[in-house]
PDB file of N, CA and C in Angstrom:
ATOM      1  N   MET A   1      19.150 -12.454  -9.610  1.00  0.00           N
ATOM      2  CA  MET A   1      20.142 -12.569  -8.202  1.00  0.00           C
ATOM      3  C   MET A   1      20.303 -13.780  -8.217  1.00  0.00           C
ATOM      4  N   ASN A   2      21.224 -13.893  -7.197  1.00  0.00           N
ATOM      5  CA  ASN A   2      21.331 -14.677  -5.850  1.00  0.00           C
ATOM      6  C   ASN A   2      22.172 -13.860  -4.630  1.00  0.00           C
ATOM      7  N   LYS A   3      20.851 -14.823  -3.362  1.00  0.00           N
ATOM      8  CA  LYS A   3      21.271 -15.486  -2.696  1.00  0.00           C
ATOM      9  C   LYS A   3      22.067 -15.419  -2.118  1.00  0.00           C
ATOM     10  N   LEU A   4      23.626 -14.771  -1.189  1.00  0.00           N
ATOM     11  CA  LEU A   4      24.387 -15.207  -0.454  1.00  0.00           C
ATOM     12  C   LEU A   4      24.016 -16.047   0.862  1.00  0.00           C
ATOM     13  N   VAL A   5      24.214 -17.183   1.102  1.00  0.00           N
ATOM     14  CA  VAL A   5      23.402 -18.556   1.685  1.00  0.00           C
ATOM     15  C   VAL A   5      24.481 -18.226   3.728  1.00  0.00           C
ATOM     16  N   TYR A   6      25.787 -18.255   2.526  1.00  0.00           N
ATOM     17  CA  TYR A   6      26.917 -18.062   3.261  1.00  0.00           C
ATOM     18  C   TYR A   6      28.225 -17.366   3.362  1.00  0.00           C
ATOM     19  N   SER A   7      29.027 -17.231   3.628  1.00  0.00           N
ATOM     20  CA  SER A   7      29.762 -15.841   4.112  1.00  0.00           C
ATOM     21  C   SER A   7      31.251 -15.773   4.986  1.00  0.00           C
ATOM     22  N   THR A   8      32.488 -16.176   4.932  1.00  0.00           N
ATOM     23  CA  THR A   8      33.495 -16.479   5.409  1.00  0.00           C
ATOM     24  C   THR A   8      34.508 -15.101   6.117  1.00  0.00           C
ATOM     25  N   ASP A   9      33.012 -14.020   5.599  1.00  0.00           N
ATOM     26  CA  ASP A   9      33.243 -12.423   6.456  1.00  0.00           C
ATOM     27  C   ASP A   9      33.460 -11.791   7.072  1.00  0.00           C
ATOM     28  N   PRO A  10      33.452 -11.066   7.653  1.00  0.00           N
ATOM     29  CA  PRO A  10      33.230 -11.458   9.709  1.00  0.00           C
ATOM     30  C   PRO A  10      33.225 -10.060   8.791  1.00  0.00           C
ATOM     31  N   ASP A  11      33.345  -9.088   7.894  1.00  0.00           N
ATOM     32  CA  ASP A  11      32.942  -7.563   7.880  1.00  0.00           C
ATOM     33  C   ASP A  11      32.471  -7.651   7.205  1.00  0.00           C
ATOM     34  N   TRP A  12      31.527  -8.968   6.705  1.00  0.00           N
ATOM     35  CA  TRP A  12      30.076  -8.418   5.552  1.00  0.00           C
ATOM     36  C   TRP A  12      28.860  -8.520   6.461  1.00  0.00           C
ATOM     37  N   GLN A  13      27.939  -7.270   5.119  1.00  0.00           N
ATOM     38  CA  GLN A  13      26.935  -6.454   5.244  1.00  0.00           C
ATOM     39  C   GLN A  13      26.596  -6.729   5.285  1.00  0.00           C
ATOM     40  N   ALA A  14      25.019  -7.117   5.403  1.00  0.00           N
ATOM     41  CA  ALA A  14      23.822  -7.728   3.831  1.00  0.00           C
ATOM     42  C   ALA A  14      23.180  -5.981   3.851  1.00  0.00           C
ATOM     43  N   LYS A  15      23.740  -5.283   3.072  1.00  0.00           N
ATOM     44  CA  LYS A  15      22.927  -4.040   2.666  1.00  0.00           C
ATOM     45  C   LYS A  15      22.305  -3.867   2.004  1.00  0.00           C
ATOM     46  N   GLN A  16      21.878  -5.115   0.421  1.00  0.00           N
ATOM     47  CA  GLN A  16      21.476  -5.306  -0.594  1.00  0.00           C
ATOM     48  C   GLN A  16      20.553  -6.254   0.049  1.00  0.00           C
ATOM     49  N   ALA A  17      19.639  -6.743   1.053  1.00  0.00           N
ATOM     50  CA  ALA A  17      18.892  -7.315   0.997  1.00  0.00           C
ATOM     51  C   ALA A  17      17.682  -6.554   1.855  1.00  0.00           C
ATOM     52  N   ASP A  18      18.601  -5.061   2.787  1.00  0.00           N
ATOM     53  CA  ASP A  18      17.569  -4.482   4.062  1.00  0.00           C
ATOM     54  C   ASP A  18      17.137  -3.427   3.059  1.00  0.00           C
ATOM     55  N   ALA A  19      17.691  -3.194   1.643  1.00  0.00           N
ATOM     56  CA  ALA A  19      16.733  -2.631   0.463  1.00  0.00           C
ATOM     57  C   ALA A  19      16.444  -2.756   0.004  1.00  0.00           C
ATOM     58  N   ALA A  20      16.326  -4.119  -0.523  1.00  0.00           N
ATOM     59  CA  ALA A  20      15.319  -4.599  -0.941  1.00  0.00           C
ATOM     60  C   ALA A  20      14.398  -4.967  -0.265  1.00  0.00           C
ATOM     61  N   ALA A  21      14.492  -4.728   0.710  1.00  0.00           N
ATOM     62  CA  ALA A  21      12.156  -5.006   1.502  1.00  0.00           C
ATOM     63  C   ALA A  21      12.181  -4.358   2.142  1.00  0.00           C
ATOM     64  N   SER A  22      12.933  -2.663   1.788  1.00  0.00           N
ATOM     65  CA  SER A  22      12.074  -1.488   1.850  1.00  0.00           C
ATOM     66  C   SER A  22      11.462  -1.715   0.792  1.00  0.00           C
ATOM     67  N   THR A  23      11.262  -1.251   0.077  1.00  0.00           N
ATOM     68  CA  THR A  23      10.310  -1.540  -1.517  1.00  0.00           C
ATOM     69  C   THR A  23       9.227  -2.216  -1.914  1.00  0.00           C
ATOM     70  N   ASP A  24       8.300  -2.677  -1.113  1.00  0.00           N
ATOM     71  CA  ASP A  24       7.466  -3.613  -1.088  1.00  0.00           C
ATOM     72  C   ASP A  24       7.016  -3.354  -2.305  1.00  0.00           C
ATOM     73  N   SER A  25       6.430  -1.327  -2.215  1.00  0.00           N
ATOM     74  CA  SER A  25       5.024  -1.620  -3.498  1.00  0.00           C
ATOM     75  C   SER A  25       5.311  -2.168  -4.373  1.00  0.00           C
ATOM     76  N   PRO A  26       5.040  -2.353  -5.597  1.00  0.00           N
ATOM     77  CA  PRO A  26       5.036  -2.348  -7.094  1.00  0.00           C
ATOM     78  C   PRO A  26       5.386  -0.608  -7.900  1.00  0.00           C
ATOM     79  N   PHE A  27       4.522  -0.271  -6.939  1.00  0.00           N
ATOM     80  CA  PHE A  27       4.178   1.764  -7.962  1.00  0.00           C
ATOM     81  C   PHE A  27       5.557   2.299  -7.651  1.00  0.00           C
ATOM     82  N   PRO A  28       5.947   3.691  -8.269  1.00  0.00           N
ATOM     83  CA  PRO A  28       6.653   3.889  -7.766  1.00  0.00           C
ATOM     84  C   PRO A  28       6.598   5.544  -6.976  1.00  0.00           C
ATOM     85  N   ASP A  29       6.876   5.731  -6.333  1.00  0.00           N
ATOM     86  CA  ASP A  29       7.525   6.701  -5.174  1.00  0.00           C
ATOM     87  C   ASP A  29       6.880   8.179  -5.803  1.00  0.00           C
ATOM     88  N   ASP A  30       5.956   8.870  -6.510  1.00  0.00           N
ATOM     89  CA  ASP A  30       6.695  10.201  -6.989  1.00  0.00           C
ATOM     90  C   ASP A  30       4.972  10.950  -6.955  1.00  0.00           C
ATOM     91  N   GLY A  31       4.646  10.995  -5.743  1.00  0.00           N
ATOM     92  CA  GLY A  31       3.456  11.263  -4.781  1.00  0.00           C
ATOM     93  C   GLY A  31       2.169  11.013  -5.452  1.00  0.00           C
ATOM     94  N   VAL A  32       2.011  10.417  -6.044  1.00  0.00           N
ATOM     95  CA  VAL A  32       1.099  10.458  -6.446  1.00  0.00           C
ATOM     96  C   VAL A  32       0.221   8.571  -6.056  1.00  0.00           C
ATOM     97  N   VAL A  33      -0.837   8.789  -4.944  1.00  0.00           N
ATOM     98  CA  VAL A  33      -2.090   7.588  -4.747  1.00  0.00           C
ATOM     99  C   VAL A  33      -2.871   6.735  -5.747  1.00  0.00           C
ATOM    100  N   ARG A  34      -2.272   5.690  -5.875  1.00  0.00           N
ATOM    101  CA  ARG A  34      -2.414   4.268  -6.223  1.00  0.00           C
ATOM    102  C   ARG A  34      -3.571   4.039  -5.694  1.00  0.00           C
ATOM    103  N   LEU A  35      -4.781   3.499  -6.324  1.00  0.00           N
ATOM    104  CA  LEU A  35      -6.042   2.479  -6.038  1.00  0.00           C
ATOM    105  C   LEU A  35      -6.328   1.322  -6.697  1.00  0.00           C
ATOM    106  N   ARG A  36      -6.411   0.575  -6.237  1.00  0.00           N
ATOM    107  CA  ARG A  36      -6.861  -0.723  -7.266  1.00  0.00           C
ATOM    108  C   ARG A  36      -7.320  -1.685  -5.741  1.00  0.00           C
ATOM    109  N   ARG A  37      -7.941  -2.413  -7.258  1.00  0.00           N
ATOM    110  CA  ARG A  37      -9.041  -3.502  -6.535  1.00  0.00           C
ATOM    111  C   ARG A  37      -8.534  -5.115  -6.880  1.00  0.00           C
ATOM    112  N   GLU A  38      -8.447  -5.695  -5.321  1.00  0.00           N
ATOM    113  CA  GLU A  38      -8.098  -6.926  -5.732  1.00  0.00           C
ATOM    114  C   GLU A  38      -8.753  -7.552  -4.684  1.00  0.00           C
ATOM    115  N   THR A  39      -8.241  -8.797  -4.697  1.00  0.00           N
ATOM    116  CA  THR A  39      -9.412 -10.278  -4.500  1.00  0.00           C
ATOM    117  C   THR A  39      -8.756 -11.234  -3.714  1.00  0.00           C
ATOM    118  N   LYS A  40      -6.924 -11.128  -4.675  1.00  0.00           N
ATOM    119  CA  LYS A  40      -6.352 -12.338  -5.172  1.00  0.00           C
ATOM    120  C   LYS A  40      -6.164 -12.541  -3.131  1.00  0.00           C
ATOM    121  N   GLY A  41      -5.767 -13.956  -2.136  1.00  0.00           N
ATOM    122  CA  GLY A  41      -5.486 -14.572  -1.376  1.00  0.00           C
ATOM    123  C   GLY A  41      -6.333 -13.868   0.179  1.00  0.00           C
ATOM    124  N   ARG A  42      -8.018 -13.311  -0.831  1.00  0.00           N
ATOM    125  CA  ARG A  42      -9.024 -12.935  -0.540  1.00  0.00           C
ATOM    126  C   ARG A  42     -10.504 -14.045  -0.038  1.00  0.00           C
ATOM    127  N   LYS A  43     -10.411 -14.994  -0.498  1.00  0.00           N
ATOM    128  CA  LYS A  43     -10.858 -16.324  -0.587  1.00  0.00           C
ATOM    129  C   LYS A  43     -11.933 -15.286  -1.344  1.00  0.00           C
ATOM    130  N   GLY A  44     -12.167 -14.443  -2.573  1.00  0.00           N
ATOM    131  CA  GLY A  44     -13.184 -13.723  -3.241  1.00  0.00           C
ATOM    132  C   GLY A  44     -13.716 -12.463  -2.738  1.00  0.00           C
ATOM    133  N   ALA A  45     -13.406 -12.237  -1.742  1.00  0.00           N
ATOM    134  CA  ALA A  45     -13.676 -10.588  -0.518  1.00  0.00           C
ATOM    135  C   ALA A  45     -12.695  -9.739  -1.384  1.00  0.00           C
ATOM    136  N   GLY A  46     -13.528  -8.475  -1.635  1.00  0.00           N
ATOM    137  CA  GLY A  46     -12.953  -7.705  -2.898  1.00  0.00           C
ATOM    138  C   GLY A  46     -12.371  -6.563  -1.792  1.00  0.00           C
ATOM    139  N   VAL A  47     -10.905  -6.282  -1.956  1.00  0.00           N
ATOM    140  CA  VAL A  47     -10.703  -5.209  -0.715  1.00  0.00           C
ATOM    141  C   VAL A  47     -10.580  -3.703  -2.160  1.00  0.00           C
ATOM    142  N   ILE A  48     -10.117  -2.880  -1.605  1.00  0.00           N
ATOM    143  CA  ILE A  48      -9.772  -1.724  -2.662  1.00  0.00           C
ATOM    144  C   ILE A  48      -7.711  -0.976  -1.810  1.00  0.00           C
ATOM    145  N   CYS A  49      -7.665  -1.264  -2.715  1.00  0.00           N
ATOM    146  CA  CYS A  49      -5.555  -0.977  -1.580  1.00  0.00           C
ATOM    147  C   CYS A  49      -5.229   0.526  -2.012  1.00  0.00           C
ATOM    148  N   VAL A  50      -4.800   1.559  -1.047  1.00  0.00           N
ATOM    149  CA  VAL A  50      -4.278   2.211  -1.296  1.00  0.00           C
ATOM    150  C   VAL A  50      -2.852   2.046  -1.460  1.00  0.00           C
ATOM    151  N   TYR A  51      -2.369   3.055  -2.052  1.00  0.00           N
ATOM    152  CA  TYR A  51      -0.462   2.994  -2.844  1.00  0.00           C
ATOM    153  C   TYR A  51       0.112   4.065  -2.845  1.00  0.00           C
ATOM    154  N   GLY A  52       1.225   4.654  -1.542  1.00  0.00           N
ATOM    155  CA  GLY A  52       1.417   6.020  -2.259  1.00  0.00           C
ATOM    156  C   GLY A  52       1.328   6.699  -1.291  1.00  0.00           C
ATOM    157  N   VAL A  53       0.672   6.687  -0.465  1.00  0.00           N
ATOM    158  CA  VAL A  53       0.246   8.010   0.571  1.00  0.00           C
ATOM    159  C   VAL A  53       1.255   8.054   1.724  1.00  0.00           C
ATOM    160  N   PRO A  54       1.597   8.812   2.205  1.00  0.00           N
ATOM    161  CA  PRO A  54       3.023   9.193   2.931  1.00  0.00           C
ATOM    162  C   PRO A  54       2.987   8.944   3.742  1.00  0.00           C
ATOM    163  N   LYS A  55       3.791   8.246   4.399  1.00  0.00           N
ATOM    164  CA  LYS A  55       4.341   7.080   5.742  1.00  0.00           C
ATOM    165  C   LYS A  55       3.776   7.908   6.831  1.00  0.00           C
ATOM    166  N   GLU A  56       3.966   9.309   7.169  1.00  0.00           N
ATOM    167  CA  GLU A  56       3.934   9.948   8.011  1.00  0.00           C
ATOM    168  C   GLU A  56       1.694  10.271   7.855  1.00  0.00           C
ATOM    169  N   GLN A  57       1.192   9.981   7.533  1.00  0.00           N
ATOM    170  CA  GLN A  57      -0.239   9.995   6.778  1.00  0.00           C
ATOM    171  C   GLN A  57      -0.963   8.632   6.892  1.00  0.00           C
ATOM    172  N   VAL A  58      -0.259   7.809   7.254  1.00  0.00           N
ATOM    173  CA  VAL A  58      -0.977   6.600   6.837  1.00  0.00           C
ATOM    174  C   VAL A  58      -1.709   6.118   7.902  1.00  0.00           C
ATOM    175  N   GLY A  59      -2.041   6.870   9.255  1.00  0.00           N
ATOM    176  CA  GLY A  59      -2.765   5.956  10.037  1.00  0.00           C
ATOM    177  C   GLY A  59      -3.819   6.531   9.915  1.00  0.00           C
ATOM    178  N   THR A  60      -3.997   7.757   9.979  1.00  0.00           N
ATOM    179  CA  THR A  60      -4.798   9.112   9.848  1.00  0.00           C
ATOM    180  C   THR A  60      -5.930   8.844   8.367  1.00  0.00           C
ATOM    181  N   VAL A  61      -5.074   8.814   7.594  1.00  0.00           N
ATOM    182  CA  VAL A  61      -6.110   9.067   5.724  1.00  0.00           C
ATOM    183  C   VAL A  61      -6.779   7.389   5.818  1.00  0.00           C
ATOM    184  N   ALA A  62      -5.872   5.755   7.143  1.00  0.00           N
ATOM    185  CA  ALA A  62      -6.623   4.598   6.962  1.00  0.00           C
ATOM    186  C   ALA A  62      -7.943   5.026   8.064  1.00  0.00           C
ATOM    187  N   LYS A  63      -8.118   5.737   9.039  1.00  0.00           N
ATOM    188  CA  LYS A  63      -9.021   6.158  10.109  1.00  0.00           C
ATOM    189  C   LYS A  63      -9.996   6.667   9.778  1.00  0.00           C
ATOM    190  N   GLN A  64      -9.599   7.857   8.084  1.00  0.00           N
ATOM    191  CA  GLN A  64     -11.189   9.147   8.116  1.00  0.00           C
ATOM    192  C   GLN A  64     -11.328   7.819   6.968  1.00  0.00           C
ATOM    193  N   LEU A  65     -10.957   7.044   6.050  1.00  0.00           N
ATOM    194  CA  LEU A  65     -11.087   6.611   4.789  1.00  0.00           C
ATOM    195  C   LEU A  65     -11.916   5.551   6.314  1.00  0.00           C
ATOM    196  N   LYS A  66     -12.250   4.459   6.657  1.00  0.00           N
ATOM    197  CA  LYS A  66     -12.700   3.433   7.040  1.00  0.00           C
ATOM    198  C   LYS A  66     -14.380   4.325   8.368  1.00  0.00           C
ATOM    199  N   LYS A  67     -13.822   6.130   8.814  1.00  0.00           N
ATOM    200  CA  LYS A  67     -14.677   6.140   9.364  1.00  0.00           C
ATOM    201  C   LYS A  67     -15.769   7.068   9.195  1.00  0.00           C
ATOM    202  N   GLN A  68     -15.495   7.825   7.499  1.00  0.00           N
ATOM    203  CA  GLN A  68     -16.280   8.078   6.496  1.00  0.00           C
ATOM    204  C   GLN A  68     -16.765   6.970   5.594  1.00  0.00           C
ATOM    205  N   LEU A  69     -16.939   6.368   5.181  1.00  0.00           N
ATOM    206  CA  LEU A  69     -17.076   4.538   4.696  1.00  0.00           C
ATOM    207  C   LEU A  69     -17.516   3.994   5.338  1.00  0.00           C
ATOM    208  N   GLY A  70     -18.039   4.030   6.682  1.00  0.00           N
ATOM    209  CA  GLY A  70     -18.732   3.113   7.791  1.00  0.00           C
ATOM    210  C   GLY A  70     -17.969   1.353   6.900  1.00  0.00           C
ATOM    211  N   THR A  71     -16.893   1.181   7.267  1.00  0.00           N
ATOM    212  CA  THR A  71     -15.982  -0.210   6.770  1.00  0.00           C
ATOM    213  C   THR A  71     -15.138  -0.560   7.421  1.00  0.00           C
ATOM    214  N   GLY A  72     -15.447  -1.317   7.298  1.00  0.00           N
ATOM    215  CA  GLY A  72     -13.697  -2.195   8.235  1.00  0.00           C
ATOM    216  C   GLY A  72     -12.599  -1.491   7.294  1.00  0.00           C
ATOM    217  N   GLY A  73     -11.038  -2.083   7.722  1.00  0.00           N
ATOM    218  CA  GLY A  73     -10.157  -1.772   6.718  1.00  0.00           C
ATOM    219  C   GLY A  73      -8.731  -2.402   8.296  1.00  0.00           C
ATOM    220  N   ALA A  74      -7.296  -1.655   6.959  1.00  0.00           N
ATOM    221  CA  ALA A  74      -6.382  -2.337   8.167  1.00  0.00           C
ATOM    222  C   ALA A  74      -5.796  -1.756   6.665  1.00  0.00           C
ATOM    223  N   VAL A  75      -3.799  -1.798   8.117  1.00  0.00           N
ATOM    224  CA  VAL A  75      -3.230  -0.754   7.042  1.00  0.00           C
ATOM    225  C   VAL A  75      -1.631  -1.797   7.200  1.00  0.00           C
ATOM    226  N   LYS A  76      -1.213  -2.766   6.139  1.00  0.00           N
ATOM    227  CA  LYS A  76      -0.265  -3.583   5.982  1.00  0.00           C
ATOM    228  C   LYS A  76       1.153  -3.085   5.146  1.00  0.00           C
ATOM    229  N   LYS A  77       1.873  -2.979   5.806  1.00  0.00           N
ATOM    230  CA  LYS A  77       3.287  -2.526   5.376  1.00  0.00           C
ATOM    231  C   LYS A  77       3.236  -0.886   4.595  1.00  0.00           C
ATOM    232  N   GLY A  78       2.229  -0.113   5.265  1.00  0.00           N
ATOM    233  CA  GLY A  78       2.281   0.903   4.389  1.00  0.00           C
ATOM    234  C   GLY A  78       1.360   0.886   3.865  1.00  0.00           C
ATOM    235  N   VAL A  79       0.089  -0.318   3.273  1.00  0.00           N
ATOM    236  CA  VAL A  79      -0.144  -0.193   2.397  1.00  0.00           C
ATOM    237  C   VAL A  79      -2.082  -0.089   2.654  1.00  0.00           C
ATOM    238  N   ILE A  80      -3.485   0.878   2.405  1.00  0.00           N
ATOM    239  CA  ILE A  80      -4.402   0.519   3.364  1.00  0.00           C
ATOM    240  C   ILE A  80      -5.443  -0.498   2.701  1.00  0.00           C
ATOM    241  N   GLU A  81      -5.813  -1.049   3.417  1.00  0.00           N
ATOM    242  CA  GLU A  81      -7.355  -2.098   2.886  1.00  0.00           C
ATOM    243  C   GLU A  81      -8.273  -2.114   3.580  1.00  0.00           C
ATOM    244  N   ILE A  82      -9.395  -1.291   2.132  1.00  0.00           N
ATOM    245  CA  ILE A  82     -10.388  -0.984   2.360  1.00  0.00           C
ATOM    246  C   ILE A  82     -10.622  -1.700   2.578  1.00  0.00           C
ATOM    247  N   GLN A  83     -12.645  -2.735   3.199  1.00  0.00           N
ATOM    248  CA  GLN A  83     -13.324  -3.734   2.437  1.00  0.00           C
ATOM    249  C   GLN A  83     -14.430  -3.395   1.733  1.00  0.00           C
ATOM    250  N   GLY A  84     -14.556  -3.615   1.113  1.00  0.00           N
ATOM    251  CA  GLY A  84     -15.585  -3.907   0.169  1.00  0.00           C
ATOM    252  C   GLY A  84     -15.301  -3.298  -1.298  1.00  0.00           C
ATOM    253  N   ASP A  85     -16.514  -3.077  -2.341  1.00  0.00           N
ATOM    254  CA  ASP A  85     -15.945  -2.939  -3.848  1.00  0.00           C
ATOM    255  C   ASP A  85     -16.781  -1.291  -3.476  1.00  0.00           C
ATOM    256  N   ARG A  86     -15.665  -0.405  -2.803  1.00  0.00           N
ATOM    257  CA  ARG A  86     -16.149   1.061  -3.097  1.00  0.00           C
ATOM    258  C   ARG A  86     -15.234   2.105  -3.401  1.00  0.00           C
ATOM    259  N   LEU A  87     -14.439   1.975  -5.071  1.00  0.00           N
ATOM    260  CA  LEU A  87     -13.308   2.689  -5.531  1.00  0.00           C
ATOM    261  C   LEU A  87     -13.862   3.873  -5.389  1.00  0.00           C
ATOM    262  N   GLU A  88     -15.134   4.072  -6.203  1.00  0.00           N
ATOM    263  CA  GLU A  88     -15.460   5.548  -6.736  1.00  0.00           C
ATOM    264  C   GLU A  88     -15.170   6.286  -5.051  1.00  0.00           C
ATOM    265  N   GLN A  89     -16.357   5.546  -4.254  1.00  0.00           N
ATOM    266  CA  GLN A  89     -16.020   6.155  -3.118  1.00  0.00           C
ATOM    267  C   GLN A  89     -14.595   6.720  -2.207  1.00  0.00           C
ATOM    268  N   VAL A  90     -13.612   6.335  -2.302  1.00  0.00           N
ATOM    269  CA  VAL A  90     -12.363   6.859  -1.604  1.00  0.00           C
ATOM    270  C   VAL A  90     -12.222   7.218  -2.875  1.00  0.00           C
ATOM    271  N   SER A  91     -12.255   6.983  -4.346  1.00  0.00           N
ATOM    272  CA  SER A  91     -10.750   8.136  -4.258  1.00  0.00           C
ATOM    273  C   SER A  91     -12.231   9.548  -3.887  1.00  0.00           C
ATOM    274  N   ALA A  92     -13.170   9.699  -4.677  1.00  0.00           N
ATOM    275  CA  ALA A  92     -14.029  11.127  -4.064  1.00  0.00           C
ATOM    276  C   ALA A  92     -13.095  11.669  -2.856  1.00  0.00           C
ATOM    277  N   LEU A  93     -13.150  10.170  -2.267  1.00  0.00           N
ATOM    278  CA  LEU A  93     -12.902  11.196  -0.639  1.00  0.00           C
ATOM    279  C   LEU A  93     -11.703  11.900  -0.514  1.00  0.00           C
ATOM    280  N   LEU A  94      -9.732  10.881  -1.394  1.00  0.00           N
ATOM    281  CA  LEU A  94      -8.502  11.468  -1.100  1.00  0.00           C
ATOM    282  C   LEU A  94      -8.548  12.876  -1.989  1.00  0.00           C
ATOM    283  N   THR A  95      -9.377  12.434  -3.204  1.00  0.00           N
ATOM    284  CA  THR A  95      -9.422  14.164  -4.210  1.00  0.00           C
ATOM    285  C   THR A  95      -9.911  14.995  -3.432  1.00  0.00           C
ATOM    286  N   LYS A  96     -10.672  14.725  -2.378  1.00  0.00           N
ATOM    287  CA  LYS A  96     -11.720  15.679  -1.637  1.00  0.00           C
ATOM    288  C   LYS A  96     -10.822  16.256  -0.508  1.00  0.00           C
ATOM    289  N   ALA A  97      -9.636  15.375  -0.362  1.00  0.00           N
ATOM    290  CA  ALA A  97      -8.656  15.075   1.140  1.00  0.00           C
ATOM    291  C   ALA A  97      -7.820  16.394   0.642  1.00  0.00           C
ATOM    292  N   GLY A  98      -7.310  16.701  -0.985  1.00  0.00           N
ATOM    293  CA  GLY A  98      -6.381  17.147  -0.962  1.00  0.00           C
ATOM    294  C   GLY A  98      -5.370  16.083  -2.048  1.00  0.00           C
ATOM    295  N   LEU A  99      -5.122  14.989  -2.493  1.00  0.00           N
ATOM    296  CA  LEU A  99      -3.787  14.347  -2.617  1.00  0.00           C
ATOM    297  C   LEU A  99      -4.421  13.712  -4.329  1.00  0.00           C
ATOM    298  N   LYS A 100      -3.196  13.495  -4.763  1.00  0.00           N
ATOM    299  CA  LYS A 100      -3.774  13.350  -6.691  1.00  0.00           C
ATOM    300  C   LYS A 100      -4.423  11.631  -7.212  1.00  0.00           C
ATOM    301  N   VAL A 101      -4.893  11.543  -7.092  1.00  0.00           N
ATOM    302  CA  VAL A 101      -5.572  10.147  -6.910  1.00  0.00           C
ATOM    303  C   VAL A 101      -5.469   9.391  -9.021  1.00  0.00           C
ATOM    304  N   LYS A 102      -4.579   8.324  -8.601  1.00  0.00           N
ATOM    305  CA  LYS A 102      -4.382   7.287  -9.720  1.00  0.00           C
ATOM    306  C   LYS A 102      -5.615   5.543 -10.165  1.00  0.00           C
ATOM    307  N   LYS A 103      -6.271   5.631 -11.171  1.00  0.00           N
ATOM    308  CA  LYS A 103      -6.743   4.420 -10.709  1.00  0.00           C
ATOM    309  C   LYS A 103      -6.337   3.620 -11.387  1.00  0.00           C
ATOM    310  N   VAL A 104      -5.686   2.103 -10.686  1.00  0.00           N
ATOM    311  CA  VAL A 104      -5.002   1.594 -11.481  1.00  0.00           C
ATOM    312  C   VAL A 104      -5.426  -0.137 -11.529  1.00  0.00           C
ATOM    313  N   GLY A 105      -4.555  -1.306 -12.518  1.00  0.00           N
ATOM    314  CA  GLY A 105      -5.214  -1.931 -12.485  1.00  0.00           C
ATOM    315  C   GLY A 105      -6.581  -2.163 -13.885  1.00  0.00           C
ATOM    316  N   GLY A 106      -7.295  -3.366 -13.197  1.00  0.00           N
ATOM    317  CA  GLY A 106      -8.542  -3.888 -14.754  1.00  0.00           C
ATOM    318  C   GLY A 106     -10.076  -3.680 -14.001  1.00  0.00           C
TER     319      GLY A 106
END
């Protein structure tokens, strides 16, 4: 893919760049919540990343998970990050909340 650096067309709009920036998730948007254990870029500290939660529920789900697990976390670009290696506990809580959960990664 080539990036346009300069254009002399006064009516040119960057539509493709906006569409590509909105899909940051490496997973499809198919209604399945995916859990992945990540350590990259965190100096070896593990976090559980939750992908695929509906946009209108991200904040409430993150707050509920952090409160029930008694741990920290954050929401970055629509992805919930829960501190610590609590994959099984997060999976159980999300399944109990009525979401379809799938564990991905190694």
